[in-house]
Amino acid sequence: MASTPQDVIIEFITIGNAVKVTAVCTVTGREVSIVGDPKASKKELENLAVRKLAYVLQKDAEKNAPSGGKGILA
């Protein structure tokens, strides 16, 4: 799992019976969202969104990393 991003902006929006939590990495501009239970604590929802952001940033890094093989990289 990727390390936790250091600079993250968190936004909470209540939508009916749910809370949309958006996490944005200030370095890369990458944004992810989760939808959670409004009864859950803000800290829990924030941690989940940041963990998802770290996961997505790790996947992006793996996708953009050179394969180490020979040939043309697309």
PDB file of N, CA and C in Angstrom:
ATOM      1  N   MET A   1       0.844  -1.172   0.000  1.00  0.00           N
ATOM      2  CA  MET A   1       0.000   0.000   0.000  1.00  0.00           C
ATOM      3  C   MET A   1       0.888   1.233   0.000  1.00  0.00           C
ATOM      4  N   ALA A   2       0.415   2.249  -0.654  1.00  0.00           N
ATOM      5  CA  ALA A   2       1.172   3.494  -0.749  1.00  0.00           C
ATOM      6  C   ALA A   2       1.192   4.221   0.584  1.00  0.00           C
ATOM      7  N   SER A   3       2.182   5.088   0.723  1.00  0.00           N
ATOM      8  CA  SER A   3       2.221   5.899   1.937  1.00  0.00           C
ATOM      9  C   SER A   3       1.112   6.944   1.867  1.00  0.00           C
ATOM     10  N   THR A   4       0.709   7.421   3.009  1.00  0.00           N
ATOM     11  CA  THR A   4      -0.370   8.394   3.094  1.00  0.00           C
ATOM     12  C   THR A   4       0.089   9.737   2.537  1.00  0.00           C
ATOM     13  N   PRO A   5      -0.688  10.325   1.627  1.00  0.00           N
ATOM     14  CA  PRO A   5      -0.331  11.646   1.103  1.00  0.00           C
ATOM     15  C   PRO A   5      -0.273  12.667   2.239  1.00  0.00           C
ATOM     16  N   GLN A   6       0.665  13.602   2.152  1.00  0.00           N
ATOM     17  CA  GLN A   6       0.860  14.578   3.221  1.00  0.00           C
ATOM     18  C   GLN A   6      -0.116  15.753   3.143  1.00  0.00           C
ATOM     19  N   ASP A   7      -0.324  16.298   1.963  1.00  0.00           N
ATOM     20  CA  ASP A   7      -1.191  17.461   1.797  1.00  0.00           C
ATOM     21  C   ASP A   7      -2.477  17.049   1.086  1.00  0.00           C
ATOM     22  N   VAL A   8      -3.551  16.963   1.861  1.00  0.00           N
ATOM     23  CA  VAL A   8      -4.833  16.512   1.318  1.00  0.00           C
ATOM     24  C   VAL A   8      -5.919  17.489   1.755  1.00  0.00           C
ATOM     25  N   ILE A   9      -6.786  17.831   0.826  1.00  0.00           N
ATOM     26  CA  ILE A   9      -7.959  18.642   1.125  1.00  0.00           C
ATOM     27  C   ILE A   9      -9.142  17.688   1.228  1.00  0.00           C
ATOM     28  N   ILE A  10      -9.913  17.803   2.304  1.00  0.00           N
ATOM     29  CA  ILE A  10     -11.070  16.931   2.539  1.00  0.00           C
ATOM     30  C   ILE A  10     -12.335  17.781   2.493  1.00  0.00           C
ATOM     31  N   GLU A  11     -13.355  17.269   1.804  1.00  0.00           N
ATOM     32  CA  GLU A  11     -14.638  17.961   1.710  1.00  0.00           C
ATOM     33  C   GLU A  11     -15.750  16.984   2.084  1.00  0.00           C
ATOM     34  N   PHE A  12     -16.655  17.401   2.957  1.00  0.00           N
ATOM     35  CA  PHE A  12     -17.815  16.605   3.354  1.00  0.00           C
ATOM     36  C   PHE A  12     -19.072  17.268   2.814  1.00  0.00           C
ATOM     37  N   ILE A  13     -19.906  16.481   2.115  1.00  0.00           N
ATOM     38  CA  ILE A  13     -21.172  16.998   1.604  1.00  0.00           C
ATOM     39  C   ILE A  13     -22.266  15.998   1.975  1.00  0.00           C
ATOM     40  N   THR A  14     -23.278  16.463   2.700  1.00  0.00           N
ATOM     41  CA  THR A  14     -24.399  15.603   3.051  1.00  0.00           C
ATOM     42  C   THR A  14     -25.377  15.594   1.889  1.00  0.00           C
ATOM     43  N   ILE A  15     -25.708  14.379   1.441  1.00  0.00           N
ATOM     44  CA  ILE A  15     -26.639  14.203   0.324  1.00  0.00           C
ATOM     45  C   ILE A  15     -27.703  13.212   0.795  1.00  0.00           C
ATOM     46  N   GLY A  16     -28.847  13.726   1.192  1.00  0.00           N
ATOM     47  CA  GLY A  16     -29.906  12.850   1.686  1.00  0.00           C
ATOM     48  C   GLY A  16     -29.452  12.078   2.917  1.00  0.00           C
ATOM     49  N   ASN A  17     -29.494  10.746   2.828  1.00  0.00           N
ATOM     50  CA  ASN A  17     -29.112   9.889   3.939  1.00  0.00           C
ATOM     51  C   ASN A  17     -27.683   9.391   3.804  1.00  0.00           C
ATOM     52  N   ALA A  18     -26.821  10.147   3.170  1.00  0.00           N
ATOM     53  CA  ALA A  18     -25.428   9.745   2.983  1.00  0.00           C
ATOM     54  C   ALA A  18     -24.525  10.979   3.055  1.00  0.00           C
ATOM     55  N   VAL A  19     -23.239  10.705   3.216  1.00  0.00           N
ATOM     56  CA  VAL A  19     -22.240  11.772   3.209  1.00  0.00           C
ATOM     57  C   VAL A  19     -21.227  11.449   2.128  1.00  0.00           C
ATOM     58  N   LYS A  20     -21.027  12.386   1.215  1.00  0.00           N
ATOM     59  CA  LYS A  20     -19.995  12.237   0.199  1.00  0.00           C
ATOM     60  C   LYS A  20     -18.734  12.903   0.739  1.00  0.00           C
ATOM     61  N   VAL A  21     -17.639  12.142   0.760  1.00  0.00           N
ATOM     62  CA  VAL A  21     -16.368  12.665   1.241  1.00  0.00           C
ATOM     63  C   VAL A  21     -15.399  12.654   0.061  1.00  0.00           C
ATOM     64  N   THR A  22     -14.846  13.811  -0.247  1.00  0.00           N
ATOM     65  CA  THR A  22     -13.896  13.951  -1.340  1.00  0.00           C
ATOM     66  C   THR A  22     -12.532  14.282  -0.755  1.00  0.00           C
ATOM     67  N   ALA A  23     -11.510  13.578  -1.247  1.00  0.00           N
ATOM     68  CA  ALA A  23     -10.126  13.834  -0.845  1.00  0.00           C
ATOM     69  C   ALA A  23      -9.343  14.230  -2.087  1.00  0.00           C
ATOM     70  N   VAL A  24      -8.614  15.344  -1.993  1.00  0.00           N
ATOM     71  CA  VAL A  24      -7.831  15.849  -3.120  1.00  0.00           C
ATOM     72  C   VAL A  24      -6.375  15.993  -2.679  1.00  0.00           C
ATOM     73  N   CYS A  25      -5.461  15.396  -3.446  1.00  0.00           N
ATOM     74  CA  CYS A  25      -4.031  15.546  -3.189  1.00  0.00           C
ATOM     75  C   CYS A  25      -3.613  16.892  -3.760  1.00  0.00           C
ATOM     76  N   THR A  26      -3.042  17.757  -2.918  1.00  0.00           N
ATOM     77  CA  THR A  26      -2.666  19.091  -3.374  1.00  0.00           C
ATOM     78  C   THR A  26      -1.437  19.072  -4.274  1.00  0.00           C
ATOM     79  N   VAL A  27      -0.655  18.005  -4.217  1.00  0.00           N
ATOM     80  CA  VAL A  27       0.556  17.906  -5.038  1.00  0.00           C
ATOM     81  C   VAL A  27       0.208  17.490  -6.460  1.00  0.00           C
ATOM     82  N   THR A  28      -0.619  16.434  -6.594  1.00  0.00           N
ATOM     83  CA  THR A  28      -0.924  15.878  -7.909  1.00  0.00           C
ATOM     84  C   THR A  28      -2.245  16.364  -8.486  1.00  0.00           C
ATOM     85  N   GLY A  29      -3.133  16.849  -7.626  1.00  0.00           N
ATOM     86  CA  GLY A  29      -4.460  17.242  -8.082  1.00  0.00           C
ATOM     87  C   GLY A  29      -5.413  16.063  -8.219  1.00  0.00           C
ATOM     88  N   ARG A  30      -4.963  14.879  -7.870  1.00  0.00           N
ATOM     89  CA  ARG A  30      -5.790  13.672  -7.981  1.00  0.00           C
ATOM     90  C   ARG A  30      -6.909  13.744  -6.954  1.00  0.00           C
ATOM     91  N   GLU A  31      -8.124  13.386  -7.362  1.00  0.00           N
ATOM     92  CA  GLU A  31      -9.304  13.481  -6.514  1.00  0.00           C
ATOM     93  C   GLU A  31     -10.021  12.145  -6.463  1.00  0.00           C
ATOM     94  N   VAL A  32     -10.452  11.743  -5.265  1.00  0.00           N
ATOM     95  CA  VAL A  32     -11.265  10.543  -5.104  1.00  0.00           C
ATOM     96  C   VAL A  32     -12.424  10.879  -4.177  1.00  0.00           C
ATOM     97  N   SER A  33     -13.488  10.089  -4.276  1.00  0.00           N
ATOM     98  CA  SER A  33     -14.656  10.285  -3.423  1.00  0.00           C
ATOM     99  C   SER A  33     -15.130   8.954  -2.878  1.00  0.00           C
ATOM    100  N   ILE A  34     -15.730   9.024  -1.705  1.00  0.00           N
ATOM    101  CA  ILE A  34     -16.424   7.880  -1.129  1.00  0.00           C
ATOM    102  C   ILE A  34     -17.795   8.359  -0.686  1.00  0.00           C
ATOM    103  N   VAL A  35     -18.709   7.435  -0.497  1.00  0.00           N
ATOM    104  CA  VAL A  35     -20.018   7.753   0.065  1.00  0.00           C
ATOM    105  C   VAL A  35     -20.152   6.927   1.327  1.00  0.00           C
ATOM    106  N   GLY A  36     -20.463   7.595   2.434  1.00  0.00           N
ATOM    107  CA  GLY A  36     -20.516   6.909   3.704  1.00  0.00           C
ATOM    108  C   GLY A  36     -21.765   7.203   4.494  1.00  0.00           C
ATOM    109  N   ASP A  37     -21.870   6.518   5.616  1.00  0.00           N
ATOM    110  CA  ASP A  37     -22.990   6.663   6.540  1.00  0.00           C
ATOM    111  C   ASP A  37     -22.794   7.942   7.360  1.00  0.00           C
ATOM    112  N   PRO A  38     -23.804   8.808   7.416  1.00  0.00           N
ATOM    113  CA  PRO A  38     -23.649  10.036   8.193  1.00  0.00           C
ATOM    114  C   PRO A  38     -23.512   9.783   9.696  1.00  0.00           C
ATOM    115  N   LYS A  39     -23.830   8.582  10.148  1.00  0.00           N
ATOM    116  CA  LYS A  39     -23.677   8.238  11.561  1.00  0.00           C
ATOM    117  C   LYS A  39     -22.220   7.918  11.902  1.00  0.00           C
ATOM    118  N   ALA A  40     -21.404   7.638  10.898  1.00  0.00           N
ATOM    119  CA  ALA A  40     -19.982   7.367  11.127  1.00  0.00           C
ATOM    120  C   ALA A  40     -19.296   8.673  11.512  1.00  0.00           C
ATOM    121  N   SER A  41     -18.211   8.561  12.257  1.00  0.00           N
ATOM    122  CA  SER A  41     -17.498   9.770  12.669  1.00  0.00           C
ATOM    123  C   SER A  41     -16.788  10.396  11.463  1.00  0.00           C
ATOM    124  N   LYS A  42     -16.601  11.700  11.531  1.00  0.00           N
ATOM    125  CA  LYS A  42     -15.904  12.397  10.446  1.00  0.00           C
ATOM    126  C   LYS A  42     -14.489  11.860  10.283  1.00  0.00           C
ATOM    127  N   LYS A  43     -13.839  11.533  11.404  1.00  0.00           N
ATOM    128  CA  LYS A  43     -12.469  11.018  11.356  1.00  0.00           C
ATOM    129  C   LYS A  43     -12.432   9.681  10.613  1.00  0.00           C
ATOM    130  N   GLU A  44     -13.410   8.808  10.873  1.00  0.00           N
ATOM    131  CA  GLU A  44     -13.480   7.518  10.175  1.00  0.00           C
ATOM    132  C   GLU A  44     -13.645   7.711   8.677  1.00  0.00           C
ATOM    133  N   LEU A  45     -14.576   8.569   8.308  1.00  0.00           N
ATOM    134  CA  LEU A  45     -14.827   8.816   6.886  1.00  0.00           C
ATOM    135  C   LEU A  45     -13.618   9.461   6.222  1.00  0.00           C
ATOM    136  N   GLU A  46     -12.982  10.393   6.927  1.00  0.00           N
ATOM    137  CA  GLU A  46     -11.788  11.047   6.392  1.00  0.00           C
ATOM    138  C   GLU A  46     -10.668  10.030   6.176  1.00  0.00           C
ATOM    139  N   ASN A  47     -10.442   9.159   7.167  1.00  0.00           N
ATOM    140  CA  ASN A  47      -9.398   8.135   7.040  1.00  0.00           C
ATOM    141  C   ASN A  47      -9.656   7.220   5.852  1.00  0.00           C
ATOM    142  N   LEU A  48     -10.906   6.839   5.648  1.00  0.00           N
ATOM    143  CA  LEU A  48     -11.249   5.969   4.532  1.00  0.00           C
ATOM    144  C   LEU A  48     -10.973   6.666   3.194  1.00  0.00           C
ATOM    145  N   ALA A  49     -11.346   7.927   3.091  1.00  0.00           N
ATOM    146  CA  ALA A  49     -11.115   8.675   1.845  1.00  0.00           C
ATOM    147  C   ALA A  49      -9.618   8.849   1.579  1.00  0.00           C
ATOM    148  N   VAL A  50      -8.837   9.123   2.619  1.00  0.00           N
ATOM    149  CA  VAL A  50      -7.390   9.299   2.448  1.00  0.00           C
ATOM    150  C   VAL A  50      -6.737   7.971   2.069  1.00  0.00           C
ATOM    151  N   ARG A  51      -7.205   6.867   2.657  1.00  0.00           N
ATOM    152  CA  ARG A  51      -6.663   5.554   2.288  1.00  0.00           C
ATOM    153  C   ARG A  51      -6.969   5.233   0.828  1.00  0.00           C
ATOM    154  N   LYS A  52      -8.180   5.588   0.375  1.00  0.00           N
ATOM    155  CA  LYS A  52      -8.523   5.363  -1.029  1.00  0.00           C
ATOM    156  C   LYS A  52      -7.643   6.228  -1.933  1.00  0.00           C
ATOM    157  N   LEU A  53      -7.401   7.466  -1.532  1.00  0.00           N
ATOM    158  CA  LEU A  53      -6.538   8.341  -2.316  1.00  0.00           C
ATOM    159  C   LEU A  53      -5.135   7.767  -2.409  1.00  0.00           C
ATOM    160  N   ALA A  54      -4.600   7.267  -1.297  1.00  0.00           N
ATOM    161  CA  ALA A  54      -3.262   6.657  -1.310  1.00  0.00           C
ATOM    162  C   ALA A  54      -3.231   5.457  -2.241  1.00  0.00           C
ATOM    163  N   TYR A  55      -4.284   4.650  -2.225  1.00  0.00           N
ATOM    164  CA  TYR A  55      -4.371   3.478  -3.101  1.00  0.00           C
ATOM    165  C   TYR A  55      -4.373   3.902  -4.570  1.00  0.00           C
ATOM    166  N   VAL A  56      -5.181   4.896  -4.895  1.00  0.00           N
ATOM    167  CA  VAL A  56      -5.283   5.359  -6.288  1.00  0.00           C
ATOM    168  C   VAL A  56      -3.962   5.982  -6.745  1.00  0.00           C
ATOM    169  N   LEU A  57      -3.312   6.746  -5.879  1.00  0.00           N
ATOM    170  CA  LEU A  57      -2.017   7.331  -6.239  1.00  0.00           C
ATOM    171  C   LEU A  57      -0.982   6.239  -6.485  1.00  0.00           C
ATOM    172  N   GLN A  58      -1.013   5.172  -5.678  1.00  0.00           N
ATOM    173  CA  GLN A  58      -0.087   4.043  -5.876  1.00  0.00           C
ATOM    174  C   GLN A  58      -0.359   3.367  -7.218  1.00  0.00           C
ATOM    175  N   LYS A  59      -1.623   3.141  -7.541  1.00  0.00           N
ATOM    176  CA  LYS A  59      -1.977   2.518  -8.827  1.00  0.00           C
ATOM    177  C   LYS A  59      -1.556   3.404  -9.995  1.00  0.00           C
ATOM    178  N   ASP A  60      -1.733   4.710  -9.859  1.00  0.00           N
ATOM    179  CA  ASP A  60      -1.290   5.635 -10.910  1.00  0.00           C
ATOM    180  C   ASP A  60       0.217   5.550 -11.100  1.00  0.00           C
ATOM    181  N   ALA A  61       0.954   5.487  -9.990  1.00  0.00           N
ATOM    182  CA  ALA A  61       2.419   5.406 -10.060  1.00  0.00           C
ATOM    183  C   ALA A  61       2.856   4.107 -10.729  1.00  0.00           C
ATOM    184  N   GLU A  62       2.186   3.013 -10.411  1.00  0.00           N
ATOM    185  CA  GLU A  62       2.524   1.719 -11.023  1.00  0.00           C
ATOM    186  C   GLU A  62       2.230   1.732 -12.518  1.00  0.00           C
ATOM    187  N   LYS A  63       1.123   2.350 -12.890  1.00  0.00           N
ATOM    188  CA  LYS A  63       0.731   2.406 -14.298  1.00  0.00           C
ATOM    189  C   LYS A  63       1.710   3.255 -15.113  1.00  0.00           C
ATOM    190  N   ASN A  64       2.231   4.314 -14.498  1.00  0.00           N
ATOM    191  CA  ASN A  64       3.118   5.228 -15.209  1.00  0.00           C
ATOM    192  C   ASN A  64       4.592   4.865 -15.091  1.00  0.00           C
ATOM    193  N   ALA A  65       4.902   3.842 -14.297  1.00  0.00           N
ATOM    194  CA  ALA A  65       6.299   3.434 -14.120  1.00  0.00           C
ATOM    195  C   ALA A  65       6.767   2.701 -15.360  1.00  0.00           C
ATOM    196  N   PRO A  66       8.027   2.886 -15.758  1.00  0.00           N
ATOM    197  CA  PRO A  66       8.557   2.147 -16.896  1.00  0.00           C
ATOM    198  C   PRO A  66       8.566   0.645 -16.583  1.00  0.00           C
ATOM    199  N   SER A  67       8.271  -0.142 -17.597  1.00  0.00           N
ATOM    200  CA  SER A  67       8.147  -1.586 -17.406  1.00  0.00           C
ATOM    201  C   SER A  67       9.508  -2.251 -17.260  1.00  0.00           C
ATOM    202  N   GLY A  68      10.565  -1.618 -17.686  1.00  0.00           N
ATOM    203  CA  GLY A  68      11.889  -2.213 -17.600  1.00  0.00           C
ATOM    204  C   GLY A  68      12.206  -3.132 -18.769  1.00  0.00           C
ATOM    205  N   GLY A  69      11.234  -3.359 -19.617  1.00  0.00           N
ATOM    206  CA  GLY A  69      11.440  -4.213 -20.781  1.00  0.00           C
ATOM    207  C   GLY A  69      11.976  -3.422 -21.958  1.00  0.00           C
ATOM    208  N   LYS A  70      12.291  -4.124 -23.009  1.00  0.00           N
ATOM    209  CA  LYS A  70      12.754  -3.465 -24.230  1.00  0.00           C
ATOM    210  C   LYS A  70      11.567  -3.179 -25.136  1.00  0.00           C
ATOM    211  N   GLY A  71      11.730  -2.227 -25.990  1.00  0.00           N
ATOM    212  CA  GLY A  71      10.683  -1.946 -26.951  1.00  0.00           C
ATOM    213  C   GLY A  71      10.146  -0.540 -26.786  1.00  0.00           C
ATOM    214  N   ILE A  72       9.036  -0.313 -27.423  1.00  0.00           N
ATOM    215  CA  ILE A  72       8.404   0.994 -27.424  1.00  0.00           C
ATOM    216  C   ILE A  72       7.446   1.091 -26.254  1.00  0.00           C
ATOM    217  N   LEU A  73       7.559   2.179 -25.495  1.00  0.00           N
ATOM    218  CA  LEU A  73       6.634   2.436 -24.410  1.00  0.00           C
ATOM    219  C   LEU A  73       5.561   3.374 -24.901  1.00  0.00           C
ATOM    220  N   ALA A  74       4.316   2.994 -24.723  1.00  0.00           N
ATOM    221  CA  ALA A  74       3.208   3.832 -25.185  1.00  0.00           C
ATOM    222  C   ALA A  74       2.696   4.696 -24.091  1.00  0.00           C
TER     223      ALA A  74
END
